[in-house]
PDB file of N, CA and C in Angstrom:
ATOM      1  N   MET A   1      44.979   7.975   3.049  1.00  0.00           N
ATOM      2  CA  MET A   1      45.009   7.048   1.929  1.00  0.00           C
ATOM      3  C   MET A   1      46.301   6.228   1.982  1.00  0.00           C
ATOM      4  N   ILE A   2      46.169   4.942   1.734  1.00  0.00           N
ATOM      5  CA  ILE A   2      47.311   4.037   1.756  1.00  0.00           C
ATOM      6  C   ILE A   2      47.927   3.961   0.371  1.00  0.00           C
ATOM      7  N   GLU A   3      49.236   4.145   0.310  1.00  0.00           N
ATOM      8  CA  GLU A   3      49.970   3.998  -0.943  1.00  0.00           C
ATOM      9  C   GLU A   3      50.440   2.547  -1.045  1.00  0.00           C
ATOM     10  N   ILE A   4      50.045   1.852  -2.072  1.00  0.00           N
ATOM     11  CA  ILE A   4      50.408   0.450  -2.232  1.00  0.00           C
ATOM     12  C   ILE A   4      51.762   0.338  -2.918  1.00  0.00           C
ATOM     13  N   ASN A   5      52.687  -0.333  -2.245  1.00  0.00           N
ATOM     14  CA  ASN A   5      54.001  -0.615  -2.805  1.00  0.00           C
ATOM     15  C   ASN A   5      53.877  -1.928  -3.580  1.00  0.00           C
ATOM     16  N   THR A   6      53.731  -1.838  -4.894  1.00  0.00           N
ATOM     17  CA  THR A   6      53.479  -3.029  -5.702  1.00  0.00           C
ATOM     18  C   THR A   6      54.664  -3.991  -5.689  1.00  0.00           C
ATOM     19  N   LYS A   7      55.876  -3.474  -5.544  1.00  0.00           N
ATOM     20  CA  LYS A   7      57.059  -4.340  -5.477  1.00  0.00           C
ATOM     21  C   LYS A   7      57.013  -5.198  -4.217  1.00  0.00           C
ATOM     22  N   GLU A   8      56.686  -4.580  -3.086  1.00  0.00           N
ATOM     23  CA  GLU A   8      56.602  -5.310  -1.818  1.00  0.00           C
ATOM     24  C   GLU A   8      55.440  -6.308  -1.852  1.00  0.00           C
ATOM     25  N   LEU A   9      54.314  -5.890  -2.388  1.00  0.00           N
ATOM     26  CA  LEU A   9      53.167  -6.781  -2.530  1.00  0.00           C
ATOM     27  C   LEU A   9      53.556  -8.002  -3.356  1.00  0.00           C
ATOM     28  N   GLY A  10      54.197  -7.782  -4.482  1.00  0.00           N
ATOM     29  CA  GLY A  10      54.616  -8.880  -5.356  1.00  0.00           C
ATOM     30  C   GLY A  10      55.588  -9.818  -4.678  1.00  0.00           C
ATOM     31  N   LYS A  11      56.529  -9.254  -3.940  1.00  0.00           N
ATOM     32  CA  LYS A  11      57.508 -10.058  -3.212  1.00  0.00           C
ATOM     33  C   LYS A  11      56.814 -10.957  -2.197  1.00  0.00           C
ATOM     34  N   ARG A  12      55.863 -10.413  -1.484  1.00  0.00           N
ATOM     35  CA  ARG A  12      55.152 -11.189  -0.466  1.00  0.00           C
ATOM     36  C   ARG A  12      54.263 -12.266  -1.091  1.00  0.00           C
ATOM     37  N   ILE A  13      53.611 -11.952  -2.193  1.00  0.00           N
ATOM     38  CA  ILE A  13      52.796 -12.957  -2.880  1.00  0.00           C
ATOM     39  C   ILE A  13      53.677 -14.128  -3.307  1.00  0.00           C
ATOM     40  N   LYS A  14      54.791 -13.820  -3.955  1.00  0.00           N
ATOM     41  CA  LYS A  14      55.686 -14.872  -4.447  1.00  0.00           C
ATOM     42  C   LYS A  14      56.243 -15.701  -3.300  1.00  0.00           C
ATOM     43  N   GLU A  15      56.661 -15.051  -2.238  1.00  0.00           N
ATOM     44  CA  GLU A  15      57.231 -15.759  -1.087  1.00  0.00           C
ATOM     45  C   GLU A  15      56.217 -16.741  -0.481  1.00  0.00           C
ATOM     46  N   LEU A  16      55.009 -16.259  -0.256  1.00  0.00           N
ATOM     47  CA  LEU A  16      53.980 -17.121   0.325  1.00  0.00           C
ATOM     48  C   LEU A  16      53.565 -18.232  -0.634  1.00  0.00           C
ATOM     49  N   ARG A  17      53.462 -17.902  -1.902  1.00  0.00           N
ATOM     50  CA  ARG A  17      53.083 -18.904  -2.919  1.00  0.00           C
ATOM     51  C   ARG A  17      54.095 -20.034  -2.954  1.00  0.00           C
ATOM     52  N   THR A  18      55.368 -19.691  -2.983  1.00  0.00           N
ATOM     53  CA  THR A  18      56.407 -20.721  -3.048  1.00  0.00           C
ATOM     54  C   THR A  18      56.493 -21.505  -1.735  1.00  0.00           C
ATOM     55  N   ASP A  19      56.293 -20.817  -0.608  1.00  0.00           N
ATOM     56  CA  ASP A  19      56.282 -21.517   0.689  1.00  0.00           C
ATOM     57  C   ASP A  19      55.179 -22.569   0.750  1.00  0.00           C
ATOM     58  N   LEU A  20      54.063 -22.295   0.091  1.00  0.00           N
ATOM     59  CA  LEU A  20      52.938 -23.236   0.066  1.00  0.00           C
ATOM     60  C   LEU A  20      53.073 -24.283  -1.048  1.00  0.00           C
ATOM     61  N   GLY A  21      54.125 -24.152  -1.852  1.00  0.00           N
ATOM     62  CA  GLY A  21      54.360 -25.107  -2.928  1.00  0.00           C
ATOM     63  C   GLY A  21      53.413 -24.964  -4.100  1.00  0.00           C
ATOM     64  N   LEU A  22      52.875 -23.769  -4.290  1.00  0.00           N
ATOM     65  CA  LEU A  22      51.948 -23.515  -5.393  1.00  0.00           C
ATOM     66  C   LEU A  22      52.670 -22.925  -6.591  1.00  0.00           C
ATOM     67  N   SER A  23      52.279 -23.344  -7.778  1.00  0.00           N
ATOM     68  CA  SER A  23      52.773 -22.697  -8.991  1.00  0.00           C
ATOM     69  C   SER A  23      51.939 -21.444  -9.228  1.00  0.00           C
ATOM     70  N   GLN A  24      52.407 -20.588 -10.125  1.00  0.00           N
ATOM     71  CA  GLN A  24      51.616 -19.411 -10.485  1.00  0.00           C
ATOM     72  C   GLN A  24      50.274 -19.849 -11.072  1.00  0.00           C
ATOM     73  N   LYS A  25      50.295 -20.910 -11.849  1.00  0.00           N
ATOM     74  CA  LYS A  25      49.062 -21.399 -12.467  1.00  0.00           C
ATOM     75  C   LYS A  25      48.066 -21.868 -11.411  1.00  0.00           C
ATOM     76  N   GLU A  26      48.551 -22.614 -10.420  1.00  0.00           N
ATOM     77  CA  GLU A  26      47.663 -23.107  -9.364  1.00  0.00           C
ATOM     78  C   GLU A  26      47.048 -21.954  -8.571  1.00  0.00           C
ATOM     79  N   LEU A  27      47.876 -20.967  -8.228  1.00  0.00           N
ATOM     80  CA  LEU A  27      47.364 -19.821  -7.491  1.00  0.00           C
ATOM     81  C   LEU A  27      46.362 -19.045  -8.330  1.00  0.00           C
ATOM     82  N   ALA A  28      46.670 -18.848  -9.594  1.00  0.00           N
ATOM     83  CA  ALA A  28      45.765 -18.129 -10.493  1.00  0.00           C
ATOM     84  C   ALA A  28      44.397 -18.812 -10.550  1.00  0.00           C
ATOM     85  N   GLU A  29      44.395 -20.131 -10.650  1.00  0.00           N
ATOM     86  CA  GLU A  29      43.128 -20.871 -10.708  1.00  0.00           C
ATOM     87  C   GLU A  29      42.340 -20.713  -9.404  1.00  0.00           C
ATOM     88  N   LYS A  30      43.029 -20.774  -8.273  1.00  0.00           N
ATOM     89  CA  LYS A  30      42.367 -20.640  -6.971  1.00  0.00           C
ATOM     90  C   LYS A  30      41.769 -19.247  -6.774  1.00  0.00           C
ATOM     91  N   VAL A  31      42.474 -18.230  -7.280  1.00  0.00           N
ATOM     92  CA  VAL A  31      42.063 -16.842  -7.082  1.00  0.00           C
ATOM     93  C   VAL A  31      41.094 -16.379  -8.167  1.00  0.00           C
ATOM     94  N   GLY A  32      41.123 -17.037  -9.326  1.00  0.00           N
ATOM     95  CA  GLY A  32      40.217 -16.682 -10.409  1.00  0.00           C
ATOM     96  C   GLY A  32      40.739 -15.605 -11.340  1.00  0.00           C
ATOM     97  N   VAL A  33      42.066 -15.629 -11.557  1.00  0.00           N
ATOM     98  CA  VAL A  33      42.689 -14.686 -12.496  1.00  0.00           C
ATOM     99  C   VAL A  33      43.563 -15.471 -13.465  1.00  0.00           C
ATOM    100  N   ALA A  34      44.052 -14.805 -14.486  1.00  0.00           N
ATOM    101  CA  ALA A  34      44.941 -15.440 -15.456  1.00  0.00           C
ATOM    102  C   ALA A  34      46.343 -15.606 -14.860  1.00  0.00           C
ATOM    103  N   VAL A  35      47.069 -16.590 -15.371  1.00  0.00           N
ATOM    104  CA  VAL A  35      48.435 -16.843 -14.894  1.00  0.00           C
ATOM    105  C   VAL A  35      49.311 -15.610 -15.071  1.00  0.00           C
ATOM    106  N   ASN A  36      49.186 -14.935 -16.207  1.00  0.00           N
ATOM    107  CA  ASN A  36      50.029 -13.756 -16.431  1.00  0.00           C
ATOM    108  C   ASN A  36      49.691 -12.629 -15.454  1.00  0.00           C
ATOM    109  N   THR A  37      48.490 -12.634 -14.912  1.00  0.00           N
ATOM    110  CA  THR A  37      48.122 -11.636 -13.913  1.00  0.00           C
ATOM    111  C   THR A  37      48.915 -11.867 -12.629  1.00  0.00           C
ATOM    112  N   ILE A  38      49.022 -13.126 -12.199  1.00  0.00           N
ATOM    113  CA  ILE A  38      49.836 -13.451 -11.018  1.00  0.00           C
ATOM    114  C   ILE A  38      51.281 -13.040 -11.272  1.00  0.00           C
ATOM    115  N   SER A  39      51.776 -13.314 -12.446  1.00  0.00           N
ATOM    116  CA  SER A  39      53.142 -12.927 -12.810  1.00  0.00           C
ATOM    117  C   SER A  39      53.332 -11.417 -12.714  1.00  0.00           C
ATOM    118  N   GLN A  40      52.343 -10.673 -13.199  1.00  0.00           N
ATOM    119  CA  GLN A  40      52.423  -9.204 -13.142  1.00  0.00           C
ATOM    120  C   GLN A  40      52.355  -8.699 -11.703  1.00  0.00           C
ATOM    121  N   TYR A  41      51.541  -9.332 -10.865  1.00  0.00           N
ATOM    122  CA  TYR A  41      51.508  -8.958  -9.449  1.00  0.00           C
ATOM    123  C   TYR A  41      52.869  -9.193  -8.812  1.00  0.00           C
ATOM    124  N   GLU A  42      53.435 -10.381  -9.055  1.00  0.00           N
ATOM    125  CA  GLU A  42      54.716 -10.733  -8.447  1.00  0.00           C
ATOM    126  C   GLU A  42      55.856  -9.852  -8.947  1.00  0.00           C
ATOM    127  N   SER A  43      55.743  -9.365 -10.159  1.00  0.00           N
ATOM    128  CA  SER A  43      56.770  -8.478 -10.715  1.00  0.00           C
ATOM    129  C   SER A  43      56.580  -7.026 -10.292  1.00  0.00           C
ATOM    130  N   GLY A  44      55.458  -6.744  -9.644  1.00  0.00           N
ATOM    131  CA  GLY A  44      55.190  -5.376  -9.223  1.00  0.00           C
ATOM    132  C   GLY A  44      54.684  -4.488 -10.337  1.00  0.00           C
ATOM    133  N   ILE A  45      54.226  -5.099 -11.420  1.00  0.00           N
ATOM    134  CA  ILE A  45      53.758  -4.343 -12.584  1.00  0.00           C
ATOM    135  C   ILE A  45      52.312  -3.883 -12.400  1.00  0.00           C
ATOM    136  N   SER A  46      51.493  -4.767 -11.825  1.00  0.00           N
ATOM    137  CA  SER A  46      50.059  -4.482 -11.697  1.00  0.00           C
ATOM    138  C   SER A  46      49.618  -4.424 -10.246  1.00  0.00           C
ATOM    139  N   LYS A  47      48.582  -3.628  -9.998  1.00  0.00           N
ATOM    140  CA  LYS A  47      47.927  -3.594  -8.699  1.00  0.00           C
ATOM    141  C   LYS A  47      46.740  -4.545  -8.743  1.00  0.00           C
ATOM    142  N   THR A  48      46.357  -5.048  -7.577  1.00  0.00           N
ATOM    143  CA  THR A  48      45.207  -5.934  -7.514  1.00  0.00           C
ATOM    144  C   THR A  48      43.955  -5.145  -7.144  1.00  0.00           C
ATOM    145  N   SER A  49      42.820  -5.714  -7.487  1.00  0.00           N
ATOM    146  CA  SER A  49      41.564  -5.159  -6.985  1.00  0.00           C
ATOM    147  C   SER A  49      41.407  -5.628  -5.550  1.00  0.00           C
ATOM    148  N   ILE A  50      40.524  -5.012  -4.807  1.00  0.00           N
ATOM    149  CA  ILE A  50      40.295  -5.402  -3.423  1.00  0.00           C
ATOM    150  C   ILE A  50      39.764  -6.824  -3.349  1.00  0.00           C
ATOM    151  N   ASP A  51      38.929  -7.222  -4.293  1.00  0.00           N
ATOM    152  CA  ASP A  51      38.389  -8.582  -4.320  1.00  0.00           C
ATOM    153  C   ASP A  51      39.495  -9.618  -4.515  1.00  0.00           C
ATOM    154  N   VAL A  52      40.383  -9.349  -5.460  1.00  0.00           N
ATOM    155  CA  VAL A  52      41.482 -10.278  -5.724  1.00  0.00           C
ATOM    156  C   VAL A  52      42.442 -10.295  -4.542  1.00  0.00           C
ATOM    157  N   LEU A  53      42.694  -9.140  -3.956  1.00  0.00           N
ATOM    158  CA  LEU A  53      43.568  -9.074  -2.789  1.00  0.00           C
ATOM    159  C   LEU A  53      43.017  -9.944  -1.660  1.00  0.00           C
ATOM    160  N   ALA A  54      41.720  -9.861  -1.423  1.00  0.00           N
ATOM    161  CA  ALA A  54      41.094 -10.675  -0.382  1.00  0.00           C
ATOM    162  C   ALA A  54      41.215 -12.161  -0.710  1.00  0.00           C
ATOM    163  N   ASN A  55      40.996 -12.529  -1.961  1.00  0.00           N
ATOM    164  CA  ASN A  55      41.129 -13.925  -2.379  1.00  0.00           C
ATOM    165  C   ASN A  55      42.571 -14.409  -2.239  1.00  0.00           C
ATOM    166  N   LEU A  56      43.525 -13.560  -2.592  1.00  0.00           N
ATOM    167  CA  LEU A  56      44.935 -13.916  -2.431  1.00  0.00           C
ATOM    168  C   LEU A  56      45.258 -14.190  -0.966  1.00  0.00           C
ATOM    169  N   ALA A  57      44.771 -13.331  -0.091  1.00  0.00           N
ATOM    170  CA  ALA A  57      45.034 -13.501   1.340  1.00  0.00           C
ATOM    171  C   ALA A  57      44.495 -14.841   1.828  1.00  0.00           C
ATOM    172  N   VAL A  58      43.292 -15.194   1.413  1.00  0.00           N
ATOM    173  CA  VAL A  58      42.701 -16.471   1.823  1.00  0.00           C
ATOM    174  C   VAL A  58      43.541 -17.636   1.296  1.00  0.00           C
ATOM    175  N   GLU A  59      43.839 -17.623   0.011  1.00  0.00           N
ATOM    176  CA  GLU A  59      44.561 -18.746  -0.603  1.00  0.00           C
ATOM    177  C   GLU A  59      46.003 -18.843  -0.121  1.00  0.00           C
ATOM    178  N   LEU A  60      46.604 -17.707   0.253  1.00  0.00           N
ATOM    179  CA  LEU A  60      47.984 -17.710   0.737  1.00  0.00           C
ATOM    180  C   LEU A  60      48.064 -17.803   2.261  1.00  0.00           C
ATOM    181  N   GLU A  61      46.897 -17.991   2.879  1.00  0.00           N
ATOM    182  CA  GLU A  61      46.813 -18.194   4.332  1.00  0.00           C
ATOM    183  C   GLU A  61      47.457 -17.049   5.115  1.00  0.00           C
ATOM    184  N   THR A  62      47.088 -15.832   4.751  1.00  0.00           N
ATOM    185  CA  THR A  62      47.628 -14.643   5.399  1.00  0.00           C
ATOM    186  C   THR A  62      46.536 -13.578   5.473  1.00  0.00           C
ATOM    187  N   THR A  63      46.942 -12.357   5.760  1.00  0.00           N
ATOM    188  CA  THR A  63      45.992 -11.245   5.823  1.00  0.00           C
ATOM    189  C   THR A  63      46.278 -10.250   4.708  1.00  0.00           C
ATOM    190  N   THR A  64      45.286  -9.454   4.411  1.00  0.00           N
ATOM    191  CA  THR A  64      45.509  -8.398   3.417  1.00  0.00           C
ATOM    192  C   THR A  64      46.509  -7.380   3.958  1.00  0.00           C
ATOM    193  N   ASP A  65      46.502  -7.134   5.264  1.00  0.00           N
ATOM    194  CA  ASP A  65      47.465  -6.208   5.856  1.00  0.00           C
ATOM    195  C   ASP A  65      48.894  -6.672   5.617  1.00  0.00           C
ATOM    196  N   TYR A  66      49.123  -7.981   5.761  1.00  0.00           N
ATOM    197  CA  TYR A  66      50.473  -8.513   5.511  1.00  0.00           C
ATOM    198  C   TYR A  66      50.848  -8.316   4.052  1.00  0.00           C
ATOM    199  N   LEU A  67      49.947  -8.690   3.142  1.00  0.00           N
ATOM    200  CA  LEU A  67      50.254  -8.562   1.716  1.00  0.00           C
ATOM    201  C   LEU A  67      50.565  -7.112   1.341  1.00  0.00           C
ATOM    202  N   LEU A  68      49.858  -6.176   1.948  1.00  0.00           N
ATOM    203  CA  LEU A  68      50.061  -4.761   1.635  1.00  0.00           C
ATOM    204  C   LEU A  68      51.266  -4.157   2.352  1.00  0.00           C
ATOM    205  N   GLY A  69      51.889  -4.933   3.227  1.00  0.00           N
ATOM    206  CA  GLY A  69      53.074  -4.435   3.941  1.00  0.00           C
ATOM    207  C   GLY A  69      52.716  -3.551   5.117  1.00  0.00           C
ATOM    208  N   LEU A  70      51.476  -3.666   5.605  1.00  0.00           N
ATOM    209  CA  LEU A  70      51.062  -2.843   6.736  1.00  0.00           C
ATOM    210  C   LEU A  70      51.446  -3.477   8.061  1.00  0.00           C
ATOM    211  N   CYS A  71      51.814  -4.754   8.021  1.00  0.00           N
ATOM    212  CA  CYS A  71      52.308  -5.446   9.213  1.00  0.00           C
ATOM    213  C   CYS A  71      53.270  -6.537   8.757  1.00  0.00           C
ATOM    214  N   ASP A  72      54.030  -7.044   9.705  1.00  0.00           N
ATOM    215  CA  ASP A  72      54.984  -8.126   9.392  1.00  0.00           C
ATOM    216  C   ASP A  72      54.511  -9.451   9.917  1.00  0.00           C
TER     217      ASP A  72
END
């Protein structure tokens, strides 16, 4: 079983989001979640569902493995 480091996940989401020039609101709309949900992910407060994780990877032009910290 993989233990998800929510702090690392949040850091990677924020880094990729800002690199792409997206606001939290823009990313939230693309992924289909509320703006405060993106904020909670980036703060490491909340875990994502597998569906949202997959959508984040697509919109952030990366892989789920990268977001989860399983690869660099």
